[in-house]
Amino acid sequence: MSKTIINCLPLTDEERQAFCDAVDGTDVHQEFTGVAAQRGMMGWKAVVPAELRGTATAVIGNIPADECAHYPNLEWLQTWSAGVDPYLAPGVLTDGTQVTNATGAYGQTVAEHLFAMMWSLMKNIPMYARQQTEQRWHDLGRALSPVGATVLVIGTGDIGSHFATLCKAAGAHTIGVRRDKTRPADGIDEMHDFSELDSLLPSADVVAMVVPATADTYHLIDGRRLTLMKSTAVLLNAGRGTAIDPRALARALSEDQLHGAGLDVTEPEPLPASSPLWNEPHCLITPHVAGGNHLAATEDRIIAIALGNVRRYAHGEPLANRRR
């Protein structure tokens, strides 16, 4: 039985030809619906004409989760995001539908965003920016440096490893936390597992969170663990907002228990206007854009991951980056 892939990626002519070559000689047909003008833009949008949804056996692109029911023959979804949580919710996809993602594409861009947040908080830049809007000339006191700092990276996959590598280049000592501490990661000087987290937090100058949303990571950093951290520590989160208890964080910042916090993800999202974190001068917030501001290298990697899986799908081989 023939298969049809709806390819929503914003491809160049050369890239489109590579996808055609990947299925050459097979019974797999591709429809290219991507909008090339989206290249270089944040937040690609998947465009699938209604008349193609019924015949699609595979889609490359982040189609709206609430429209998945309109794809009755879907057997594979390849996202251009690393996160796939909306598609894993009960009832969104039929049993047996495979979901693969773009893990491995976002390490550089998200790590650079985290690194920029870390260094700006260390140098009090967000607070000086607030002073500038008030035309205030006031020394905010001692700044911090990554040189000689201990950076604790919780979640040492692609993003965590890239971030640790940047920190090491700036002179920091890096400690990683992952489920299997026997697995090394680039940029990590020493690896530990989650059972050791409480003993690691007191010595950390920077704590960077890059963990998925699971039952085990929900409020991983809570009020108790915030009290274990140095008052000069910087807390960063670019994984999932649920990994940090927002009320406990707001309280810790207001009581000067931390030097600062940099959040690209929050609980909930968008962060409500009523959240005290908005008005906390030691908190730097960006609206989940660390991975959305695609570098050219990120886009190339997203496309390469999808291309590899199209080739596997066409030839009946196991798909890479499978999340379901």
C-alpha atoms as a PDB file:
ATOM      1  CA  MET A   1       0.000   0.000   0.000  1.00  0.00           C
ATOM      2  CA  SER A   2       1.400   3.402  -0.968  1.00  0.00           C
ATOM      3  CA  LYS A   3       2.222   5.976   1.675  1.00  0.00           C
ATOM      4  CA  THR A   4       1.989   9.766   1.557  1.00  0.00           C
ATOM      5  CA  ILE A   5       4.191  12.185   3.500  1.00  0.00           C
ATOM      6  CA  ILE A   6       3.012  15.771   3.911  1.00  0.00           C
ATOM      7  CA  ASN A   7       6.239  17.734   4.243  1.00  0.00           C
ATOM      8  CA  CYS A   8       5.652  21.150   5.848  1.00  0.00           C
ATOM      9  CA  LEU A   9       9.309  22.147   6.176  1.00  0.00           C
ATOM     10  CA  PRO A  10      10.362  25.481   4.596  1.00  0.00           C
ATOM     11  CA  LEU A  11      12.806  23.942   2.135  1.00  0.00           C
ATOM     12  CA  THR A  12      15.106  25.279  -0.532  1.00  0.00           C
ATOM     13  CA  ASP A  13      14.906  23.690  -3.989  1.00  0.00           C
ATOM     14  CA  GLU A  14      18.084  21.731  -3.253  1.00  0.00           C
ATOM     15  CA  GLU A  15      16.710  20.425   0.053  1.00  0.00           C
ATOM     16  CA  ARG A  16      13.418  19.454  -1.547  1.00  0.00           C
ATOM     17  CA  GLN A  17      15.317  17.417  -4.117  1.00  0.00           C
ATOM     18  CA  ALA A  18      17.188  15.641  -1.311  1.00  0.00           C
ATOM     19  CA  PHE A  19      13.845  14.588   0.199  1.00  0.00           C
ATOM     20  CA  CYS A  20      12.684  13.351  -3.199  1.00  0.00           C
ATOM     21  CA  ASP A  21      15.883  11.351  -3.608  1.00  0.00           C
ATOM     22  CA  ALA A  22      15.343   9.814  -0.134  1.00  0.00           C
ATOM     23  CA  VAL A  23      12.147   8.053  -1.286  1.00  0.00           C
ATOM     24  CA  ASP A  24      13.195   7.315  -4.833  1.00  0.00           C
ATOM     25  CA  GLY A  25      12.353   3.768  -5.870  1.00  0.00           C
ATOM     26  CA  THR A  26       9.836   3.251  -3.056  1.00  0.00           C
ATOM     27  CA  ASP A  27       6.043   3.444  -2.876  1.00  0.00           C
ATOM     28  CA  VAL A  28       6.240   6.601  -0.740  1.00  0.00           C
ATOM     29  CA  HIS A  29       4.840   9.820  -2.211  1.00  0.00           C
ATOM     30  CA  GLN A  30       5.553  13.303  -0.828  1.00  0.00           C
ATOM     31  CA  GLU A  31       3.522  16.507  -0.918  1.00  0.00           C
ATOM     32  CA  PHE A  32       5.526  19.631  -0.134  1.00  0.00           C
ATOM     33  CA  THR A  33       3.438  22.313   1.549  1.00  0.00           C
ATOM     34  CA  GLY A  34       6.137  24.261   3.391  1.00  0.00           C
ATOM     35  CA  VAL A  35       6.335  28.022   3.036  1.00  0.00           C
ATOM     36  CA  ALA A  36       9.904  28.926   2.070  1.00  0.00           C
ATOM     37  CA  ALA A  37       9.467  32.472   3.396  1.00  0.00           C
ATOM     38  CA  GLN A  38       9.306  31.068   6.947  1.00  0.00           C
ATOM     39  CA  ARG A  39      13.002  30.226   6.786  1.00  0.00           C
ATOM     40  CA  GLY A  40      14.814  32.316   9.371  1.00  0.00           C
ATOM     41  CA  MET A  41      11.579  33.190  11.165  1.00  0.00           C
ATOM     42  CA  MET A  42      10.602  32.201  14.677  1.00  0.00           C
ATOM     43  CA  GLY A  43       7.739  29.772  15.018  1.00  0.00           C
ATOM     44  CA  TRP A  44       7.298  27.873  11.778  1.00  0.00           C
ATOM     45  CA  LYS A  45       3.658  27.042  11.040  1.00  0.00           C
ATOM     46  CA  ALA A  46       2.644  23.758   9.471  1.00  0.00           C
ATOM     47  CA  VAL A  47       0.303  24.204   6.510  1.00  0.00           C
ATOM     48  CA  VAL A  48      -1.658  21.138   5.378  1.00  0.00           C
ATOM     49  CA  PRO A  49      -4.525  21.668   2.912  1.00  0.00           C
ATOM     50  CA  ALA A  50      -7.716  19.973   4.076  1.00  0.00           C
ATOM     51  CA  GLU A  51      -7.880  17.731   1.001  1.00  0.00           C
ATOM     52  CA  LEU A  52      -4.514  16.128   1.886  1.00  0.00           C
ATOM     53  CA  ARG A  53      -5.274  15.255   5.496  1.00  0.00           C
ATOM     54  CA  GLY A  54      -7.317  12.169   4.782  1.00  0.00           C
ATOM     55  CA  THR A  55      -4.596  10.507   2.674  1.00  0.00           C
ATOM     56  CA  ALA A  56      -1.576  11.472   4.796  1.00  0.00           C
ATOM     57  CA  THR A  57       0.209   8.566   6.422  1.00  0.00           C
ATOM     58  CA  ALA A  58       2.982  10.844   7.695  1.00  0.00           C
ATOM     59  CA  VAL A  59       3.403  14.544   8.447  1.00  0.00           C
ATOM     60  CA  ILE A  60       6.590  16.505   8.968  1.00  0.00           C
ATOM     61  CA  GLY A  61       5.670  19.557  10.998  1.00  0.00           C
ATOM     62  CA  ASN A  62       3.943  20.670  14.172  1.00  0.00           C
ATOM     63  CA  ILE A  63       0.323  20.440  13.113  1.00  0.00           C
ATOM     64  CA  PRO A  64      -2.164  21.640  15.755  1.00  0.00           C
ATOM     65  CA  ALA A  65      -2.723  18.833  18.243  1.00  0.00           C
ATOM     66  CA  ASP A  66      -6.476  19.438  18.230  1.00  0.00           C
ATOM     67  CA  GLU A  67      -6.544  18.774  14.473  1.00  0.00           C
ATOM     68  CA  CYS A  68      -4.841  15.370  14.604  1.00  0.00           C
ATOM     69  CA  ALA A  69      -8.241  13.672  14.463  1.00  0.00           C
ATOM     70  CA  HIS A  70      -8.521  14.970  10.888  1.00  0.00           C
ATOM     71  CA  TYR A  71      -5.689  12.613   9.858  1.00  0.00           C
ATOM     72  CA  PRO A  72      -7.355   9.171  10.038  1.00  0.00           C
ATOM     73  CA  ASN A  73      -4.482   7.330   8.339  1.00  0.00           C
ATOM     74  CA  LEU A  74      -1.610   8.980  10.175  1.00  0.00           C
ATOM     75  CA  GLU A  75       1.045   6.505  11.266  1.00  0.00           C
ATOM     76  CA  TRP A  76       3.996   8.839  11.801  1.00  0.00           C
ATOM     77  CA  LEU A  77       4.433  12.453  12.943  1.00  0.00           C
ATOM     78  CA  GLN A  78       7.861  14.123  12.771  1.00  0.00           C
ATOM     79  CA  THR A  79       7.959  17.419  14.686  1.00  0.00           C
ATOM     80  CA  TRP A  80      10.440  20.207  14.138  1.00  0.00           C
ATOM     81  CA  SER A  81      10.383  20.877  17.865  1.00  0.00           C
ATOM     82  CA  ALA A  82      12.147  18.936  20.593  1.00  0.00           C
ATOM     83  CA  GLY A  83       9.033  18.984  22.785  1.00  0.00           C
ATOM     84  CA  VAL A  84       6.157  16.706  21.782  1.00  0.00           C
ATOM     85  CA  ASP A  85       3.998  16.813  24.931  1.00  0.00           C
ATOM     86  CA  PRO A  86       0.761  17.962  23.175  1.00  0.00           C
ATOM     87  CA  TYR A  87       0.857  14.937  20.863  1.00  0.00           C
ATOM     88  CA  LEU A  88       1.384  12.451  23.686  1.00  0.00           C
ATOM     89  CA  ALA A  89      -1.761  13.454  25.556  1.00  0.00           C
ATOM     90  CA  PRO A  90      -4.416  10.714  25.658  1.00  0.00           C
ATOM     91  CA  GLY A  91      -6.699  10.678  22.657  1.00  0.00           C
ATOM     92  CA  VAL A  92      -4.694  13.072  20.478  1.00  0.00           C
ATOM     93  CA  LEU A  93      -3.210  10.381  18.226  1.00  0.00           C
ATOM     94  CA  THR A  94      -4.469   6.895  17.540  1.00  0.00           C
ATOM     95  CA  ASP A  95      -2.686   3.944  19.080  1.00  0.00           C
ATOM     96  CA  GLY A  96       0.339   2.929  17.066  1.00  0.00           C
ATOM     97  CA  THR A  97       1.059   6.368  15.602  1.00  0.00           C
ATOM     98  CA  GLN A  98       4.787   7.002  15.898  1.00  0.00           C
ATOM     99  CA  VAL A  99       6.027  10.403  17.070  1.00  0.00           C
ATOM    100  CA  THR A 100       9.587  11.548  16.432  1.00  0.00           C
ATOM    101  CA  ASN A 101      11.133  14.904  17.245  1.00  0.00           C
ATOM    102  CA  ALA A 102      14.068  17.185  16.470  1.00  0.00           C
ATOM    103  CA  THR A 103      16.145  16.468  19.558  1.00  0.00           C
ATOM    104  CA  GLY A 104      19.742  17.261  18.684  1.00  0.00           C
ATOM    105  CA  ALA A 105      18.924  20.380  16.674  1.00  0.00           C
ATOM    106  CA  TYR A 106      18.546  22.924  19.452  1.00  0.00           C
ATOM    107  CA  GLY A 107      21.631  22.455  21.624  1.00  0.00           C
ATOM    108  CA  GLN A 108      23.587  25.425  20.328  1.00  0.00           C
ATOM    109  CA  THR A 109      20.835  28.036  20.195  1.00  0.00           C
ATOM    110  CA  VAL A 110      19.240  27.212  23.574  1.00  0.00           C
ATOM    111  CA  ALA A 111      22.649  26.906  25.259  1.00  0.00           C
ATOM    112  CA  GLU A 112      23.683  30.324  23.937  1.00  0.00           C
ATOM    113  CA  HIS A 113      20.453  31.812  25.293  1.00  0.00           C
ATOM    114  CA  LEU A 114      21.074  30.241  28.713  1.00  0.00           C
ATOM    115  CA  PHE A 115      24.663  31.444  28.675  1.00  0.00           C
ATOM    116  CA  ALA A 116      23.598  34.986  27.819  1.00  0.00           C
ATOM    117  CA  MET A 117      21.083  34.938  30.672  1.00  0.00           C
ATOM    118  CA  MET A 118      23.678  33.613  33.101  1.00  0.00           C
ATOM    119  CA  TRP A 119      26.319  36.188  32.284  1.00  0.00           C
ATOM    120  CA  SER A 120      23.916  39.130  32.223  1.00  0.00           C
ATOM    121  CA  LEU A 121      22.545  38.143  35.649  1.00  0.00           C
ATOM    122  CA  MET A 122      26.074  37.731  36.994  1.00  0.00           C
ATOM    123  CA  LYS A 123      26.893  41.279  35.877  1.00  0.00           C
ATOM    124  CA  ASN A 124      23.555  42.718  37.110  1.00  0.00           C
ATOM    125  CA  ILE A 125      22.659  43.824  33.572  1.00  0.00           C
ATOM    126  CA  PRO A 126      18.860  43.322  33.926  1.00  0.00           C
ATOM    127  CA  MET A 127      18.806  45.554  37.006  1.00  0.00           C
ATOM    128  CA  TYR A 128      20.945  48.189  35.323  1.00  0.00           C
ATOM    129  CA  ALA A 129      18.525  48.102  32.368  1.00  0.00           C
ATOM    130  CA  ARG A 130      15.657  48.814  34.769  1.00  0.00           C
ATOM    131  CA  GLN A 131      17.627  51.704  36.251  1.00  0.00           C
ATOM    132  CA  GLN A 132      18.206  53.114  32.774  1.00  0.00           C
ATOM    133  CA  THR A 133      14.458  53.426  32.172  1.00  0.00           C
ATOM    134  CA  GLU A 134      14.311  55.432  35.417  1.00  0.00           C
ATOM    135  CA  GLN A 135      17.357  57.588  34.538  1.00  0.00           C
ATOM    136  CA  ARG A 136      19.071  56.336  37.711  1.00  0.00           C
ATOM    137  CA  TRP A 137      22.870  56.295  38.124  1.00  0.00           C
ATOM    138  CA  HIS A 138      23.492  53.845  40.942  1.00  0.00           C
ATOM    139  CA  ASP A 139      26.185  51.220  41.570  1.00  0.00           C
ATOM    140  CA  LEU A 140      24.519  47.878  42.285  1.00  0.00           C
ATOM    141  CA  GLY A 141      27.585  46.423  43.928  1.00  0.00           C
ATOM    142  CA  ARG A 142      29.578  43.255  43.443  1.00  0.00           C
ATOM    143  CA  ALA A 143      29.281  41.348  40.187  1.00  0.00           C
ATOM    144  CA  LEU A 144      29.980  37.656  39.643  1.00  0.00           C
ATOM    145  CA  SER A 145      32.056  35.739  37.099  1.00  0.00           C
ATOM    146  CA  PRO A 146      31.972  32.302  35.481  1.00  0.00           C
ATOM    147  CA  VAL A 147      35.731  32.046  36.004  1.00  0.00           C
ATOM    148  CA  GLY A 148      36.228  29.529  38.797  1.00  0.00           C
ATOM    149  CA  ALA A 149      32.462  29.078  39.229  1.00  0.00           C
ATOM    150  CA  THR A 150      30.822  25.719  39.809  1.00  0.00           C
ATOM    151  CA  VAL A 151      28.053  25.205  37.263  1.00  0.00           C
ATOM    152  CA  LEU A 152      25.526  22.469  38.010  1.00  0.00           C
ATOM    153  CA  VAL A 153      23.721  21.294  34.872  1.00  0.00           C
ATOM    154  CA  ILE A 154      20.582  19.269  35.590  1.00  0.00           C
ATOM    155  CA  GLY A 155      19.824  17.387  32.404  1.00  0.00           C
ATOM    156  CA  THR A 156      22.895  16.729  30.286  1.00  0.00           C
ATOM    157  CA  GLY A 157      21.440  15.973  26.885  1.00  0.00           C
ATOM    158  CA  ASP A 158      22.140  18.010  23.766  1.00  0.00           C
ATOM    159  CA  ILE A 159      21.279  21.394  25.309  1.00  0.00           C
ATOM    160  CA  GLY A 160      22.862  20.760  28.700  1.00  0.00           C
ATOM    161  CA  SER A 161      26.051  19.485  27.091  1.00  0.00           C
ATOM    162  CA  HIS A 162      26.333  22.530  24.815  1.00  0.00           C
ATOM    163  CA  PHE A 163      25.741  24.866  27.757  1.00  0.00           C
ATOM    164  CA  ALA A 164      28.358  23.108  29.878  1.00  0.00           C
ATOM    165  CA  THR A 165      30.865  23.386  27.041  1.00  0.00           C
ATOM    166  CA  LEU A 166      30.324  27.162  26.860  1.00  0.00           C
ATOM    167  CA  CYS A 167      30.730  27.460  30.632  1.00  0.00           C
ATOM    168  CA  LYS A 168      33.955  25.446  30.606  1.00  0.00           C
ATOM    169  CA  ALA A 169      35.333  27.706  27.869  1.00  0.00           C
ATOM    170  CA  ALA A 170      34.656  30.674  30.177  1.00  0.00           C
ATOM    171  CA  GLY A 171      36.585  29.057  33.033  1.00  0.00           C
ATOM    172  CA  ALA A 172      33.888  27.237  35.019  1.00  0.00           C
ATOM    173  CA  HIS A 173      33.915  23.770  36.575  1.00  0.00           C
ATOM    174  CA  THR A 174      30.911  21.797  35.391  1.00  0.00           C
ATOM    175  CA  ILE A 175      28.917  19.143  37.234  1.00  0.00           C
ATOM    176  CA  GLY A 176      26.203  17.173  35.479  1.00  0.00           C
ATOM    177  CA  VAL A 177      23.121  15.429  36.857  1.00  0.00           C
ATOM    178  CA  ARG A 178      21.380  12.726  34.849  1.00  0.00           C
ATOM    179  CA  ARG A 179      19.557   9.474  35.525  1.00  0.00           C
ATOM    180  CA  ASP A 180      22.512   7.316  34.486  1.00  0.00           C
ATOM    181  CA  LYS A 181      25.682   8.864  35.859  1.00  0.00           C
ATOM    182  CA  THR A 182      27.823   6.285  34.056  1.00  0.00           C
ATOM    183  CA  ARG A 183      26.995   7.969  30.731  1.00  0.00           C
ATOM    184  CA  PRO A 184      29.420  10.829  30.042  1.00  0.00           C
ATOM    185  CA  ALA A 185      28.510  14.051  28.234  1.00  0.00           C
ATOM    186  CA  ASP A 186      30.646  16.601  26.434  1.00  0.00           C
ATOM    187  CA  GLY A 187      31.478  19.619  28.572  1.00  0.00           C
ATOM    188  CA  ILE A 188      30.816  17.879  31.895  1.00  0.00           C
ATOM    189  CA  ASP A 189      33.729  17.518  34.318  1.00  0.00           C
ATOM    190  CA  GLU A 190      31.939  15.155  36.693  1.00  0.00           C
ATOM    191  CA  MET A 191      28.615  13.341  36.514  1.00  0.00           C
ATOM    192  CA  HIS A 192      26.130  12.457  39.275  1.00  0.00           C
ATOM    193  CA  ASP A 193      22.606  11.085  39.454  1.00  0.00           C
ATOM    194  CA  PHE A 194      19.443  12.702  40.821  1.00  0.00           C
ATOM    195  CA  SER A 195      19.787  11.027  44.210  1.00  0.00           C
ATOM    196  CA  GLU A 196      22.817  13.271  44.847  1.00  0.00           C
ATOM    197  CA  LEU A 197      21.118  16.558  43.959  1.00  0.00           C
ATOM    198  CA  ASP A 198      20.667  17.799  47.538  1.00  0.00           C
ATOM    199  CA  SER A 199      24.359  17.374  48.273  1.00  0.00           C
ATOM    200  CA  LEU A 200      25.366  19.195  45.049  1.00  0.00           C
ATOM    201  CA  LEU A 201      23.168  22.298  45.309  1.00  0.00           C
ATOM    202  CA  PRO A 202      25.008  23.998  48.215  1.00  0.00           C
ATOM    203  CA  SER A 203      28.256  24.253  46.246  1.00  0.00           C
ATOM    204  CA  ALA A 204      26.757  25.430  42.948  1.00  0.00           C
ATOM    205  CA  ASP A 205      27.257  29.003  41.755  1.00  0.00           C
ATOM    206  CA  VAL A 206      24.971  28.370  38.785  1.00  0.00           C
ATOM    207  CA  VAL A 207      22.158  25.819  38.514  1.00  0.00           C
ATOM    208  CA  ALA A 208      20.899  25.248  34.968  1.00  0.00           C
ATOM    209  CA  MET A 209      17.726  23.213  34.437  1.00  0.00           C
ATOM    210  CA  VAL A 210      17.228  21.414  31.127  1.00  0.00           C
ATOM    211  CA  VAL A 211      14.859  18.573  32.017  1.00  0.00           C
ATOM    212  CA  PRO A 212      11.636  17.318  30.397  1.00  0.00           C
ATOM    213  CA  ALA A 213       8.223  17.514  32.023  1.00  0.00           C
ATOM    214  CA  THR A 214       7.742  14.251  33.905  1.00  0.00           C
ATOM    215  CA  ALA A 215       6.365  13.216  37.267  1.00  0.00           C
ATOM    216  CA  ASP A 216       9.936  12.973  38.550  1.00  0.00           C
ATOM    217  CA  THR A 217      10.898  16.500  37.481  1.00  0.00           C
ATOM    218  CA  TYR A 218       7.731  18.302  38.636  1.00  0.00           C
ATOM    219  CA  HIS A 219       8.891  21.075  41.038  1.00  0.00           C
ATOM    220  CA  LEU A 220      12.304  19.437  41.181  1.00  0.00           C
ATOM    221  CA  ILE A 221      13.494  22.779  42.505  1.00  0.00           C
ATOM    222  CA  ASP A 222      11.027  23.571  45.282  1.00  0.00           C
ATOM    223  CA  GLY A 223      11.125  25.734  48.370  1.00  0.00           C
ATOM    224  CA  ARG A 224      13.263  23.285  50.327  1.00  0.00           C
ATOM    225  CA  ARG A 225      15.876  22.955  47.604  1.00  0.00           C
ATOM    226  CA  LEU A 226      15.991  26.706  47.047  1.00  0.00           C
ATOM    227  CA  THR A 227      17.092  27.067  50.667  1.00  0.00           C
ATOM    228  CA  LEU A 228      19.980  24.691  49.958  1.00  0.00           C
ATOM    229  CA  MET A 229      21.406  27.012  47.327  1.00  0.00           C
ATOM    230  CA  LYS A 230      23.888  29.837  47.841  1.00  0.00           C
ATOM    231  CA  SER A 231      22.514  33.349  48.214  1.00  0.00           C
ATOM    232  CA  THR A 232      24.886  34.280  45.383  1.00  0.00           C
ATOM    233  CA  ALA A 233      23.667  31.507  43.064  1.00  0.00           C
ATOM    234  CA  VAL A 234      22.049  32.004  39.663  1.00  0.00           C
ATOM    235  CA  LEU A 235      19.178  29.661  38.711  1.00  0.00           C
ATOM    236  CA  LEU A 236      18.363  29.095  35.026  1.00  0.00           C
ATOM    237  CA  ASN A 237      15.586  27.143  33.314  1.00  0.00           C
ATOM    238  CA  ALA A 238      15.201  26.371  29.620  1.00  0.00           C
ATOM    239  CA  GLY A 239      13.691  22.890  29.866  1.00  0.00           C
ATOM    240  CA  ARG A 240      10.136  22.875  31.177  1.00  0.00           C
ATOM    241  CA  GLY A 241       8.575  25.468  33.450  1.00  0.00           C
ATOM    242  CA  THR A 242       7.131  22.830  35.762  1.00  0.00           C
ATOM    243  CA  ALA A 243      10.623  21.900  36.974  1.00  0.00           C
ATOM    244  CA  ILE A 244      10.627  24.955  39.304  1.00  0.00           C
ATOM    245  CA  ASP A 245       7.945  25.877  41.836  1.00  0.00           C
ATOM    246  CA  PRO A 246       7.130  29.474  40.766  1.00  0.00           C
ATOM    247  CA  ARG A 247       5.704  30.572  44.112  1.00  0.00           C
ATOM    248  CA  ALA A 248       8.735  29.279  45.983  1.00  0.00           C
ATOM    249  CA  LEU A 249      11.054  30.964  43.482  1.00  0.00           C
ATOM    250  CA  ALA A 250       9.273  34.317  43.777  1.00  0.00           C
ATOM    251  CA  ARG A 251       9.532  34.097  47.563  1.00  0.00           C
ATOM    252  CA  ALA A 252      13.224  33.156  47.440  1.00  0.00           C
ATOM    253  CA  LEU A 253      14.047  36.058  45.131  1.00  0.00           C
ATOM    254  CA  SER A 254      12.094  38.556  47.226  1.00  0.00           C
ATOM    255  CA  GLU A 255      14.013  37.426  50.311  1.00  0.00           C
ATOM    256  CA  ASP A 256      17.402  37.608  48.541  1.00  0.00           C
ATOM    257  CA  GLN A 257      17.963  33.855  48.809  1.00  0.00           C
ATOM    258  CA  LEU A 258      19.376  33.913  45.273  1.00  0.00           C
ATOM    259  CA  HIS A 259      21.409  36.347  43.210  1.00  0.00           C
ATOM    260  CA  GLY A 260      19.041  35.917  40.287  1.00  0.00           C
ATOM    261  CA  ALA A 261      16.974  33.663  38.061  1.00  0.00           C
ATOM    262  CA  GLY A 262      16.777  33.409  34.278  1.00  0.00           C
ATOM    263  CA  LEU A 263      13.631  31.773  32.911  1.00  0.00           C
ATOM    264  CA  ASP A 264      12.858  30.996  29.297  1.00  0.00           C
ATOM    265  CA  VAL A 265      10.104  28.619  30.439  1.00  0.00           C
ATOM    266  CA  THR A 266       7.565  29.168  33.184  1.00  0.00           C
ATOM    267  CA  GLU A 267       4.642  27.559  34.974  1.00  0.00           C
ATOM    268  CA  PRO A 268       2.167  28.260  33.479  1.00  0.00           C
ATOM    269  CA  GLU A 269       2.854  29.588  29.992  1.00  0.00           C
ATOM    270  CA  PRO A 270       2.239  32.359  29.196  1.00  0.00           C
ATOM    271  CA  LEU A 271       3.185  33.623  32.651  1.00  0.00           C
ATOM    272  CA  PRO A 272       0.130  35.434  34.084  1.00  0.00           C
ATOM    273  CA  ALA A 273       0.359  39.184  34.576  1.00  0.00           C
ATOM    274  CA  SER A 274      -0.412  38.551  38.253  1.00  0.00           C
ATOM    275  CA  SER A 275       2.814  36.594  38.800  1.00  0.00           C
ATOM    276  CA  PRO A 276       5.202  38.403  41.183  1.00  0.00           C
ATOM    277  CA  LEU A 277       8.090  37.151  39.056  1.00  0.00           C
ATOM    278  CA  TRP A 278       7.375  39.889  36.489  1.00  0.00           C
ATOM    279  CA  ASN A 279       8.183  42.589  39.028  1.00  0.00           C
ATOM    280  CA  GLU A 280      11.157  40.860  40.609  1.00  0.00           C
ATOM    281  CA  PRO A 281      14.276  42.839  39.580  1.00  0.00           C
ATOM    282  CA  HIS A 282      16.483  39.762  40.006  1.00  0.00           C
ATOM    283  CA  CYS A 283      14.425  37.693  37.553  1.00  0.00           C
ATOM    284  CA  LEU A 284      15.071  37.759  33.800  1.00  0.00           C
ATOM    285  CA  ILE A 285      12.161  36.317  31.784  1.00  0.00           C
ATOM    286  CA  THR A 286      11.974  35.515  28.076  1.00  0.00           C
ATOM    287  CA  PRO A 287       8.824  34.021  26.477  1.00  0.00           C
ATOM    288  CA  HIS A 288      10.035  30.507  25.550  1.00  0.00           C
ATOM    289  CA  VAL A 289      12.066  31.783  22.601  1.00  0.00           C
ATOM    290  CA  ALA A 290      15.490  30.223  23.247  1.00  0.00           C
ATOM    291  CA  GLY A 291      14.902  27.504  20.671  1.00  0.00           C
ATOM    292  CA  GLY A 292      12.455  29.394  18.495  1.00  0.00           C
ATOM    293  CA  ASN A 293      15.003  31.976  17.414  1.00  0.00           C
ATOM    294  CA  HIS A 294      16.506  29.583  14.914  1.00  0.00           C
ATOM    295  CA  LEU A 295      20.132  29.835  13.956  1.00  0.00           C
ATOM    296  CA  ALA A 296      20.874  28.714  10.415  1.00  0.00           C
ATOM    297  CA  ALA A 297      22.697  25.745  11.946  1.00  0.00           C
ATOM    298  CA  THR A 298      19.559  24.843  13.929  1.00  0.00           C
ATOM    299  CA  GLU A 299      17.375  24.902  10.834  1.00  0.00           C
ATOM    300  CA  ASP A 300      19.877  22.803   8.910  1.00  0.00           C
ATOM    301  CA  ARG A 301      19.913  20.235  11.706  1.00  0.00           C
ATOM    302  CA  ILE A 302      16.090  20.089  11.956  1.00  0.00           C
ATOM    303  CA  ILE A 303      15.937  19.381   8.241  1.00  0.00           C
ATOM    304  CA  ALA A 304      18.743  16.803   8.402  1.00  0.00           C
ATOM    305  CA  ILE A 305      16.967  14.894  11.190  1.00  0.00           C
ATOM    306  CA  ALA A 306      13.710  14.863   9.224  1.00  0.00           C
ATOM    307  CA  LEU A 307      15.502  13.811   6.030  1.00  0.00           C
ATOM    308  CA  GLY A 308      17.122  10.870   7.781  1.00  0.00           C
ATOM    309  CA  ASN A 309      13.766   9.718   9.098  1.00  0.00           C
ATOM    310  CA  VAL A 310      12.074  10.081   5.709  1.00  0.00           C
ATOM    311  CA  ARG A 311      14.706   7.771   4.288  1.00  0.00           C
ATOM    312  CA  ARG A 312      14.113   5.283   7.118  1.00  0.00           C
ATOM    313  CA  TYR A 313      10.331   5.486   6.768  1.00  0.00           C
ATOM    314  CA  ALA A 314      10.481   4.890   3.025  1.00  0.00           C
ATOM    315  CA  HIS A 315      12.648   1.815   3.490  1.00  0.00           C
ATOM    316  CA  GLY A 316      10.815   0.354   6.474  1.00  0.00           C
ATOM    317  CA  GLU A 317      13.614   0.991   8.960  1.00  0.00           C
ATOM    318  CA  PRO A 318      13.255   2.057  12.627  1.00  0.00           C
ATOM    319  CA  LEU A 319      12.870   5.812  13.025  1.00  0.00           C
ATOM    320  CA  ALA A 320      15.337   7.948  14.983  1.00  0.00           C
ATOM    321  CA  ASN A 321      14.364  10.263  17.864  1.00  0.00           C
ATOM    322  CA  ARG A 322      11.241   8.246  18.562  1.00  0.00           C
ATOM    323  CA  ARG A 323       9.208   9.508  21.505  1.00  0.00           C
ATOM    324  CA  ARG A 324       6.251   7.198  20.986  1.00  0.00           C
END
